Amino acid sequence: MLVQLQLLKRQDLLHVIMYMFRPALDQIIIKVNMNPEDMDMFVFAIAKKKTAQKLTKEMADISTFCKEKKTVVVNGNEFLVLNETSDLSHSFMDSKMDAILNMHGDLVDYIHISDQYTGPKIADENQVAKVPEAKKVLIFVFNVPGRYHSNLEGMESLKLTLQLVFYFIDKVKRLKLGKDAKKKAEQTRSKMEGEFLKMTHQQRIEAAQARREEKRRAEKERIMNEEDPEKQRKWEEKEHRRELKKRAPKMKQLKVKAL
C-alpha cells in the first residue's frame, strides 16, 4: 500500500490568491496493489463529475473498458459511476458506501478499481511496441477537510472515510464475476489485445518501409555526388525496374498435381 499526501502550494502569494478563485484542497492518495489471485477481471470507478470527466479522458483502462456511465447525486454531491458491467454498480454502491457518501461525500474525490491499470494514456501511441503490462490496483483519492485550518471534527470524518480502503480491499477479494460477465470480460480483453497487436504490426510495417526509403535516398545522394554518369545510369535503370515490378499486378502461382 502506497500513501501520498498531495499538498497545496502555500509558499507563494500567487497560488494563495489563485485558490481564492479556484478552490482546492489537500488530498490523500492511496494506491493498493492486489495479488493476481485476489481480484477478478473488472474495471470500476466512482468520482466527482469533473474528476470523472478527466479520468475518462486521461486514464487508459477507464476510457477503454468503462462504457457504462451513471450519474448519482448523494446529499448534494454529484458523482459519476463508471462501469465495465452494470453488476459492479450494485456490488460496490452498497449500504456502507451510501452511508459514507451521505455523511462525508465531500471528502471523496474518486475511487478507481481496475485489473487493467496501465496508468495515463500514452501521448504518442506510435512509440508503443508491445502491450503495456496491466496491474490489479485500487486507488483512493480523498480530500483533506479544512483548506487552511483542520479541526478535530474534520479529522474524525476523514478517519471514517479512510475505512473505505480496507472495506473495498476485502470486498474486491470476495467479489467474483458470474459466468456470463466473466466470459464477456475475457472477450473484451482479448479483443483489445488483438487490436493493439494489429496496430503495432502496421506500425512496424510502416517503419520498415520508411527505413527502406531513407536507405534509397541516401544511396541516390551518394551516387549523384560521385559524378559518374555510368553509375548514375545503372542506378536509374535499377530503380526503374524496381518501380515496374512494384506496379505490376501480382500473379498467383497454382500447383497442379499430375494424375
C-alpha atoms as a PDB file:
ATOM      1  CA  MET A   1       0.000   0.000   0.000  1.00  0.00           C
ATOM      2  CA  LEU A   2       1.370   3.389  -1.037  1.00  0.00           C
ATOM      3  CA  VAL A   3       0.067   6.516   0.697  1.00  0.00           C
ATOM      4  CA  GLN A   4       0.848  10.003  -0.596  1.00  0.00           C
ATOM      5  CA  LEU A   5      -0.127  13.389   0.766  1.00  0.00           C
ATOM      6  CA  GLN A   6      -0.599  15.941  -2.019  1.00  0.00           C
ATOM      7  CA  LEU A   7      -0.447  19.414  -0.503  1.00  0.00           C
ATOM      8  CA  LEU A   8      -1.497  22.739  -1.979  1.00  0.00           C
ATOM      9  CA  LYS A   9       1.247  25.211  -2.802  1.00  0.00           C
ATOM     10  CA  ARG A  10       1.226  27.728   0.036  1.00  0.00           C
ATOM     11  CA  GLN A  11       4.766  29.043  -0.300  1.00  0.00           C
ATOM     12  CA  ASP A  12       3.909  31.963  -2.562  1.00  0.00           C
ATOM     13  CA  LEU A  13       1.200  34.609  -2.652  1.00  0.00           C
ATOM     14  CA  LEU A  14       0.251  33.869  -6.274  1.00  0.00           C
ATOM     15  CA  HIS A  15      -1.049  30.384  -5.501  1.00  0.00           C
ATOM     16  CA  VAL A  16      -2.829  31.579  -2.360  1.00  0.00           C
ATOM     17  CA  ILE A  17      -4.709  34.183  -4.414  1.00  0.00           C
ATOM     18  CA  MET A  18      -5.429  31.613  -7.157  1.00  0.00           C
ATOM     19  CA  TYR A  19      -7.009  29.217  -4.627  1.00  0.00           C
ATOM     20  CA  MET A  20      -9.400  32.007  -3.602  1.00  0.00           C
ATOM     21  CA  PHE A  21     -10.873  31.998  -7.099  1.00  0.00           C
ATOM     22  CA  ARG A  22     -10.355  28.289  -7.818  1.00  0.00           C
ATOM     23  CA  PRO A  23     -10.918  26.444  -4.536  1.00  0.00           C
ATOM     24  CA  ALA A  24      -8.761  23.360  -3.984  1.00  0.00           C
ATOM     25  CA  LEU A  25      -7.966  21.009  -1.127  1.00  0.00           C
ATOM     26  CA  ASP A  26      -5.064  18.934   0.111  1.00  0.00           C
ATOM     27  CA  GLN A  27      -5.527  15.291  -0.878  1.00  0.00           C
ATOM     28  CA  ILE A  28      -4.573  11.849   0.369  1.00  0.00           C
ATOM     29  CA  ILE A  29      -3.804   9.387  -2.441  1.00  0.00           C
ATOM     30  CA  ILE A  30      -3.787   5.694  -1.542  1.00  0.00           C
ATOM     31  CA  LYS A  31      -2.729   3.026  -4.044  1.00  0.00           C
ATOM     32  CA  VAL A  32      -3.153  -0.669  -3.242  1.00  0.00           C
ATOM     33  CA  ASN A  33      -1.533  -3.307  -5.485  1.00  0.00           C
ATOM     34  CA  MET A  34      -3.557  -6.515  -5.426  1.00  0.00           C
ATOM     35  CA  ASN A  35      -2.190 -10.009  -5.924  1.00  0.00           C
ATOM     36  CA  PRO A  36      -3.389 -11.501  -9.246  1.00  0.00           C
ATOM     37  CA  GLU A  37      -5.347 -14.246  -7.481  1.00  0.00           C
ATOM     38  CA  ASP A  38      -7.102 -11.755  -5.176  1.00  0.00           C
ATOM     39  CA  MET A  39      -9.032  -9.858  -7.851  1.00  0.00           C
ATOM     40  CA  ASP A  40     -11.310 -10.831 -10.715  1.00  0.00           C
ATOM     41  CA  MET A  41     -11.474  -9.127 -14.119  1.00  0.00           C
ATOM     42  CA  PHE A  42     -13.261  -5.778 -13.936  1.00  0.00           C
ATOM     43  CA  VAL A  43     -12.791  -2.012 -14.067  1.00  0.00           C
ATOM     44  CA  PHE A  44     -14.889   0.304 -11.906  1.00  0.00           C
ATOM     45  CA  ALA A  45     -14.662   3.915 -10.776  1.00  0.00           C
ATOM     46  CA  ILE A  46     -16.750   6.459  -8.930  1.00  0.00           C
ATOM     47  CA  ALA A  47     -15.692  10.093  -8.997  1.00  0.00           C
ATOM     48  CA  LYS A  48     -16.899  13.643  -8.652  1.00  0.00           C
ATOM     49  CA  LYS A  49     -18.319  14.642 -12.028  1.00  0.00           C
ATOM     50  CA  LYS A  50     -15.457  16.954 -13.022  1.00  0.00           C
ATOM     51  CA  THR A  51     -12.845  14.427 -11.901  1.00  0.00           C
ATOM     52  CA  ALA A  52     -14.680  11.620 -13.738  1.00  0.00           C
ATOM     53  CA  GLN A  53     -14.504  13.554 -16.999  1.00  0.00           C
ATOM     54  CA  LYS A  54     -10.759  13.956 -16.531  1.00  0.00           C
ATOM     55  CA  LEU A  55     -10.270  10.258 -15.699  1.00  0.00           C
ATOM     56  CA  THR A  56     -12.268   9.185 -18.759  1.00  0.00           C
ATOM     57  CA  LYS A  57     -10.108  11.378 -20.948  1.00  0.00           C
ATOM     58  CA  GLU A  58      -6.721  10.538 -19.427  1.00  0.00           C
ATOM     59  CA  MET A  59      -6.780   7.004 -17.972  1.00  0.00           C
ATOM     60  CA  ALA A  60      -6.286   4.208 -20.499  1.00  0.00           C
ATOM     61  CA  ASP A  61      -8.252   1.487 -18.689  1.00  0.00           C
ATOM     62  CA  ILE A  62     -11.271   3.652 -17.858  1.00  0.00           C
ATOM     63  CA  SER A  63     -11.581   5.051 -21.392  1.00  0.00           C
ATOM     64  CA  THR A  64     -11.261   1.541 -22.870  1.00  0.00           C
ATOM     65  CA  PHE A  65     -13.396  -0.598 -20.568  1.00  0.00           C
ATOM     66  CA  CYS A  66     -15.881   1.652 -18.740  1.00  0.00           C
ATOM     67  CA  LYS A  67     -18.596   2.106 -21.358  1.00  0.00           C
ATOM     68  CA  GLU A  68     -21.466   2.284 -18.855  1.00  0.00           C
ATOM     69  CA  LYS A  69     -21.876   5.608 -17.052  1.00  0.00           C
ATOM     70  CA  LYS A  70     -24.407   6.643 -14.449  1.00  0.00           C
ATOM     71  CA  THR A  71     -24.858   9.903 -12.532  1.00  0.00           C
ATOM     72  CA  VAL A  72     -25.503   9.606  -8.782  1.00  0.00           C
ATOM     73  CA  VAL A  73     -26.382  12.575  -6.557  1.00  0.00           C
ATOM     74  CA  VAL A  74     -25.840  11.981  -2.844  1.00  0.00           C
ATOM     75  CA  ASN A  75     -26.526  14.737  -0.321  1.00  0.00           C
ATOM     76  CA  GLY A  76     -25.787  17.469  -2.863  1.00  0.00           C
ATOM     77  CA  ASN A  77     -22.582  15.836  -4.186  1.00  0.00           C
ATOM     78  CA  GLU A  78     -22.756  14.738  -7.829  1.00  0.00           C
ATOM     79  CA  PHE A  79     -20.796  11.611  -8.714  1.00  0.00           C
ATOM     80  CA  LEU A  80     -20.324   9.698 -11.939  1.00  0.00           C
ATOM     81  CA  VAL A  81     -20.212   5.903 -11.690  1.00  0.00           C
ATOM     82  CA  LEU A  82     -18.064   4.341 -14.444  1.00  0.00           C
ATOM     83  CA  ASN A  83     -18.689   0.649 -15.027  1.00  0.00           C
ATOM     84  CA  GLU A  84     -17.417  -2.136 -17.195  1.00  0.00           C
ATOM     85  CA  THR A  85     -20.607  -4.013 -16.341  1.00  0.00           C
ATOM     86  CA  SER A  86     -23.749  -2.879 -14.513  1.00  0.00           C
ATOM     87  CA  ASP A  87     -23.351  -5.677 -11.951  1.00  0.00           C
ATOM     88  CA  LEU A  88     -20.389  -3.839 -10.449  1.00  0.00           C
ATOM     89  CA  SER A  89     -22.521  -0.825  -9.593  1.00  0.00           C
ATOM     90  CA  HIS A  90     -24.800  -2.963  -7.431  1.00  0.00           C
ATOM     91  CA  SER A  91     -21.817  -4.636  -5.771  1.00  0.00           C
ATOM     92  CA  PHE A  92     -19.884  -1.501  -4.831  1.00  0.00           C
ATOM     93  CA  MET A  93     -22.688   1.024  -4.316  1.00  0.00           C
ATOM     94  CA  ASP A  94     -23.995  -0.786  -1.243  1.00  0.00           C
ATOM     95  CA  SER A  95     -25.327   0.497   2.085  1.00  0.00           C
ATOM     96  CA  LYS A  96     -21.812   1.073   3.508  1.00  0.00           C
ATOM     97  CA  MET A  97     -20.774   3.172   0.518  1.00  0.00           C
ATOM     98  CA  ASP A  98     -24.094   5.010   0.521  1.00  0.00           C
ATOM     99  CA  ALA A  99     -23.681   5.895   4.205  1.00  0.00           C
ATOM    100  CA  ILE A 100     -20.139   7.257   3.685  1.00  0.00           C
ATOM    101  CA  LEU A 101     -21.215   9.329   0.683  1.00  0.00           C
ATOM    102  CA  ASN A 102     -24.193  10.696   2.605  1.00  0.00           C
ATOM    103  CA  MET A 103     -22.125  11.739   5.606  1.00  0.00           C
ATOM    104  CA  HIS A 104     -18.741  12.557   4.044  1.00  0.00           C
ATOM    105  CA  GLY A 105     -19.254  12.636   0.267  1.00  0.00           C
ATOM    106  CA  ASP A 106     -17.378  15.923   0.033  1.00  0.00           C
ATOM    107  CA  LEU A 107     -14.203  14.098   1.150  1.00  0.00           C
ATOM    108  CA  VAL A 108     -14.333  11.526  -1.684  1.00  0.00           C
ATOM    109  CA  ASP A 109     -12.737  12.733  -4.923  1.00  0.00           C
ATOM    110  CA  TYR A 110     -12.580   9.351  -6.658  1.00  0.00           C
ATOM    111  CA  ILE A 111     -12.163   5.607  -6.227  1.00  0.00           C
ATOM    112  CA  HIS A 112     -10.626   3.641  -9.085  1.00  0.00           C
ATOM    113  CA  ILE A 113     -10.608  -0.186  -9.098  1.00  0.00           C
ATOM    114  CA  SER A 114      -9.031  -1.985 -12.048  1.00  0.00           C
ATOM    115  CA  ASP A 115      -7.425  -5.220 -13.198  1.00  0.00           C
ATOM    116  CA  GLN A 116      -6.180  -3.424 -16.336  1.00  0.00           C
ATOM    117  CA  TYR A 117      -4.393  -0.444 -14.803  1.00  0.00           C
ATOM    118  CA  THR A 118      -1.565   0.852 -17.010  1.00  0.00           C
ATOM    119  CA  GLY A 119      -1.615   4.474 -15.887  1.00  0.00           C
ATOM    120  CA  PRO A 120      -2.395   7.515 -18.042  1.00  0.00           C
ATOM    121  CA  LYS A 121      -2.780   7.211 -21.800  1.00  0.00           C
ATOM    122  CA  ILE A 122       0.482   7.378 -23.750  1.00  0.00           C
ATOM    123  CA  ALA A 123       0.635  10.648 -25.658  1.00  0.00           C
ATOM    124  CA  ASP A 124       2.245   9.111 -28.755  1.00  0.00           C
ATOM    125  CA  GLU A 125       0.838   5.618 -29.293  1.00  0.00           C
ATOM    126  CA  ASN A 126       3.209   5.142 -32.231  1.00  0.00           C
ATOM    127  CA  GLN A 127       6.057   4.773 -29.725  1.00  0.00           C
ATOM    128  CA  VAL A 128       4.434   1.742 -28.038  1.00  0.00           C
ATOM    129  CA  ALA A 129       5.994  -1.519 -29.245  1.00  0.00           C
ATOM    130  CA  LYS A 130       4.170  -4.010 -27.010  1.00  0.00           C
ATOM    131  CA  VAL A 131       1.032  -4.313 -24.927  1.00  0.00           C
ATOM    132  CA  PRO A 132       1.572  -2.343 -21.672  1.00  0.00           C
ATOM    133  CA  GLU A 133       1.735  -4.521 -18.568  1.00  0.00           C
ATOM    134  CA  ALA A 134      -1.560  -4.269 -16.690  1.00  0.00           C
ATOM    135  CA  LYS A 135      -1.692  -4.310 -12.887  1.00  0.00           C
ATOM    136  CA  LYS A 136      -4.533  -5.002 -10.488  1.00  0.00           C
ATOM    137  CA  VAL A 137      -4.882  -1.928  -8.308  1.00  0.00           C
ATOM    138  CA  LEU A 138      -7.226   0.040  -6.072  1.00  0.00           C
ATOM    139  CA  ILE A 139      -6.728   3.805  -5.998  1.00  0.00           C
ATOM    140  CA  PHE A 140      -8.446   6.110  -3.496  1.00  0.00           C
ATOM    141  CA  VAL A 141      -8.206   9.888  -3.542  1.00  0.00           C
ATOM    142  CA  PHE A 142      -9.712  11.705  -0.555  1.00  0.00           C
ATOM    143  CA  ASN A 143      -9.933  15.426   0.151  1.00  0.00           C
ATOM    144  CA  VAL A 144      -8.477  16.615   3.448  1.00  0.00           C
ATOM    145  CA  PRO A 145     -11.114  18.768   5.218  1.00  0.00           C
ATOM    146  CA  GLY A 146     -10.264  22.358   6.125  1.00  0.00           C
ATOM    147  CA  ARG A 147      -8.319  24.172   3.439  1.00  0.00           C
ATOM    148  CA  TYR A 148      -6.060  26.046   5.857  1.00  0.00           C
ATOM    149  CA  HIS A 149      -7.240  25.118   9.353  1.00  0.00           C
ATOM    150  CA  SER A 150      -8.091  21.467  10.044  1.00  0.00           C
ATOM    151  CA  ASN A 151     -10.065  20.608  13.148  1.00  0.00           C
ATOM    152  CA  LEU A 152     -10.754  17.502  15.202  1.00  0.00           C
ATOM    153  CA  GLU A 153     -14.235  17.019  13.737  1.00  0.00           C
ATOM    154  CA  GLY A 154     -12.863  17.140  10.198  1.00  0.00           C
ATOM    155  CA  MET A 155     -10.135  14.628  11.011  1.00  0.00           C
ATOM    156  CA  GLU A 156     -12.715  12.248  12.531  1.00  0.00           C
ATOM    157  CA  SER A 157     -14.729  12.491   9.304  1.00  0.00           C
ATOM    158  CA  LEU A 158     -11.614  11.696   7.283  1.00  0.00           C
ATOM    159  CA  LYS A 159     -10.821   8.764   9.564  1.00  0.00           C
ATOM    160  CA  LEU A 160     -14.246   7.245   8.895  1.00  0.00           C
ATOM    161  CA  THR A 161     -13.844   7.797   5.155  1.00  0.00           C
ATOM    162  CA  LEU A 162     -10.428   6.108   5.144  1.00  0.00           C
ATOM    163  CA  GLN A 163     -12.115   2.933   6.395  1.00  0.00           C
ATOM    164  CA  LEU A 164     -13.432   2.531   2.850  1.00  0.00           C
ATOM    165  CA  VAL A 165      -9.942   1.451   1.795  1.00  0.00           C
ATOM    166  CA  PHE A 166      -9.953  -1.690   3.939  1.00  0.00           C
ATOM    167  CA  TYR A 167     -13.635  -2.300   3.244  1.00  0.00           C
ATOM    168  CA  PHE A 168     -13.026  -2.257  -0.523  1.00  0.00           C
ATOM    169  CA  ILE A 169      -9.897  -4.427  -0.300  1.00  0.00           C
ATOM    170  CA  ASP A 170     -11.958  -7.113   1.442  1.00  0.00           C
ATOM    171  CA  LYS A 171     -14.900  -6.665  -0.941  1.00  0.00           C
ATOM    172  CA  VAL A 172     -12.716  -6.933  -4.055  1.00  0.00           C
ATOM    173  CA  LYS A 173     -11.170 -10.152  -2.747  1.00  0.00           C
ATOM    174  CA  ARG A 174     -14.617 -11.666  -2.219  1.00  0.00           C
ATOM    175  CA  LEU A 175     -16.210 -10.369  -5.434  1.00  0.00           C
ATOM    176  CA  LYS A 176     -16.433 -12.959  -8.218  1.00  0.00           C
ATOM    177  CA  LEU A 177     -17.996 -12.319 -11.602  1.00  0.00           C
ATOM    178  CA  GLY A 178     -20.787 -14.532 -12.867  1.00  0.00           C
ATOM    179  CA  LYS A 179     -20.163 -16.934 -15.743  1.00  0.00           C
ATOM    180  CA  ASP A 180     -21.587 -14.622 -18.442  1.00  0.00           C
ATOM    181  CA  ALA A 181     -19.906 -11.488 -17.076  1.00  0.00           C
ATOM    182  CA  LYS A 182     -16.543 -13.241 -16.859  1.00  0.00           C
ATOM    183  CA  LYS A 183     -16.847 -14.549 -20.415  1.00  0.00           C
ATOM    184  CA  LYS A 184     -17.669 -11.046 -21.653  1.00  0.00           C
ATOM    185  CA  ALA A 185     -14.690  -9.589 -19.734  1.00  0.00           C
ATOM    186  CA  GLU A 186     -12.336 -12.180 -21.256  1.00  0.00           C
ATOM    187  CA  GLN A 187     -13.634 -11.430 -24.755  1.00  0.00           C
ATOM    188  CA  THR A 188     -13.190  -7.672 -24.228  1.00  0.00           C
ATOM    189  CA  ARG A 189      -9.597  -8.086 -23.074  1.00  0.00           C
ATOM    190  CA  SER A 190      -8.792 -10.498 -25.897  1.00  0.00           C
ATOM    191  CA  LYS A 191     -10.274  -8.103 -28.455  1.00  0.00           C
ATOM    192  CA  MET A 192      -8.338  -5.160 -27.012  1.00  0.00           C
ATOM    193  CA  GLU A 193      -5.046  -7.082 -27.153  1.00  0.00           C
ATOM    194  CA  GLY A 194      -5.748  -8.195 -30.742  1.00  0.00           C
ATOM    195  CA  GLU A 195      -6.460  -4.634 -31.852  1.00  0.00           C
ATOM    196  CA  PHE A 196      -3.295  -3.412 -30.145  1.00  0.00           C
ATOM    197  CA  LEU A 197      -1.136  -6.083 -31.817  1.00  0.00           C
ATOM    198  CA  LYS A 198      -2.716  -5.295 -35.181  1.00  0.00           C
ATOM    199  CA  MET A 199      -1.945  -1.600 -34.693  1.00  0.00           C
ATOM    200  CA  THR A 200       1.686  -2.237 -33.693  1.00  0.00           C
ATOM    201  CA  HIS A 201       2.135  -4.671 -36.623  1.00  0.00           C
ATOM    202  CA  GLN A 202       1.044  -1.966 -39.045  1.00  0.00           C
ATOM    203  CA  GLN A 203       3.385   0.489 -37.330  1.00  0.00           C
ATOM    204  CA  ARG A 204       6.309  -1.922 -37.787  1.00  0.00           C
ATOM    205  CA  ILE A 205       5.491  -2.304 -41.498  1.00  0.00           C
ATOM    206  CA  GLU A 206       5.382   1.468 -41.948  1.00  0.00           C
ATOM    207  CA  ALA A 207       8.632   1.922 -40.004  1.00  0.00           C
ATOM    208  CA  ALA A 208      10.415  -0.715 -42.139  1.00  0.00           C
ATOM    209  CA  GLN A 209       9.150   0.941 -45.314  1.00  0.00           C
ATOM    210  CA  ALA A 210      10.378   4.337 -44.087  1.00  0.00           C
ATOM    211  CA  ARG A 211      13.831   2.847 -43.387  1.00  0.00           C
ATOM    212  CA  ARG A 212      13.992   1.377 -46.904  1.00  0.00           C
ATOM    213  CA  GLU A 213      13.020   4.713 -48.439  1.00  0.00           C
ATOM    214  CA  GLU A 214      15.648   6.504 -46.383  1.00  0.00           C
ATOM    215  CA  LYS A 215      18.280   3.984 -47.468  1.00  0.00           C
ATOM    216  CA  ARG A 216      17.385   4.510 -51.134  1.00  0.00           C
ATOM    217  CA  ARG A 217      17.552   8.292 -50.748  1.00  0.00           C
ATOM    218  CA  ALA A 218      20.992   8.043 -49.145  1.00  0.00           C
ATOM    219  CA  GLU A 219      22.177   5.713 -51.914  1.00  0.00           C
ATOM    220  CA  LYS A 220      20.891   8.072 -54.618  1.00  0.00           C
ATOM    221  CA  GLU A 221      22.548  11.058 -52.982  1.00  0.00           C
ATOM    222  CA  ARG A 222      25.861   9.177 -52.723  1.00  0.00           C
ATOM    223  CA  ILE A 223      25.814   8.115 -56.374  1.00  0.00           C
ATOM    224  CA  MET A 224      24.804  11.553 -57.632  1.00  0.00           C
ATOM    225  CA  ASN A 225      27.657  13.129 -55.662  1.00  0.00           C
ATOM    226  CA  GLU A 226      30.206  10.806 -57.314  1.00  0.00           C
ATOM    227  CA  GLU A 227      29.578  12.473 -60.719  1.00  0.00           C
ATOM    228  CA  ASP A 228      29.977   9.130 -62.524  1.00  0.00           C
ATOM    229  CA  PRO A 229      27.443   9.099 -65.418  1.00  0.00           C
ATOM    230  CA  GLU A 230      27.717   5.320 -65.864  1.00  0.00           C
ATOM    231  CA  LYS A 231      26.943   4.589 -62.224  1.00  0.00           C
ATOM    232  CA  GLN A 232      24.096   7.074 -62.271  1.00  0.00           C
ATOM    233  CA  ARG A 233      22.627   5.470 -65.416  1.00  0.00           C
ATOM    234  CA  LYS A 234      22.818   1.966 -63.913  1.00  0.00           C
ATOM    235  CA  TRP A 235      21.233   3.144 -60.649  1.00  0.00           C
ATOM    236  CA  GLU A 236      18.360   4.831 -62.536  1.00  0.00           C
ATOM    237  CA  GLU A 237      17.782   1.666 -64.607  1.00  0.00           C
ATOM    238  CA  LYS A 238      17.743  -0.382 -61.421  1.00  0.00           C
ATOM    239  CA  GLU A 239      15.200   1.982 -59.818  1.00  0.00           C
ATOM    240  CA  HIS A 240      13.089   1.928 -62.994  1.00  0.00           C
ATOM    241  CA  ARG A 241      12.952  -1.906 -62.945  1.00  0.00           C
ATOM    242  CA  ARG A 242      12.035  -1.828 -59.280  1.00  0.00           C
ATOM    243  CA  GLU A 243       9.181   0.604 -59.912  1.00  0.00           C
ATOM    244  CA  LEU A 244       7.869  -1.509 -62.815  1.00  0.00           C
ATOM    245  CA  LYS A 245       7.969  -4.620 -60.652  1.00  0.00           C
ATOM    246  CA  LYS A 246       6.200  -2.771 -57.853  1.00  0.00           C
ATOM    247  CA  ARG A 247       3.391  -1.598 -60.158  1.00  0.00           C
ATOM    248  CA  ALA A 248       2.962  -4.923 -61.953  1.00  0.00           C
ATOM    249  CA  PRO A 249      -0.105  -6.972 -60.924  1.00  0.00           C
ATOM    250  CA  LYS A 250       0.757  -9.825 -58.599  1.00  0.00           C
ATOM    251  CA  MET A 251       0.216 -13.252 -60.149  1.00  0.00           C
ATOM    252  CA  LYS A 252      -0.776 -16.198 -58.040  1.00  0.00           C
ATOM    253  CA  GLN A 253       1.022 -19.417 -58.807  1.00  0.00           C
ATOM    254  CA  LEU A 254      -1.039 -22.603 -58.622  1.00  0.00           C
ATOM    255  CA  LYS A 255       0.463 -26.061 -58.376  1.00  0.00           C
ATOM    256  CA  VAL A 256      -1.388 -28.788 -60.225  1.00  0.00           C
ATOM    257  CA  LYS A 257      -0.731 -32.375 -59.306  1.00  0.00           C
ATOM    258  CA  ALA A 258      -0.422 -34.794 -62.150  1.00  0.00           C
ATOM    259  CA  LEU A 259      -2.997 -37.601 -62.244  1.00  0.00           C
END
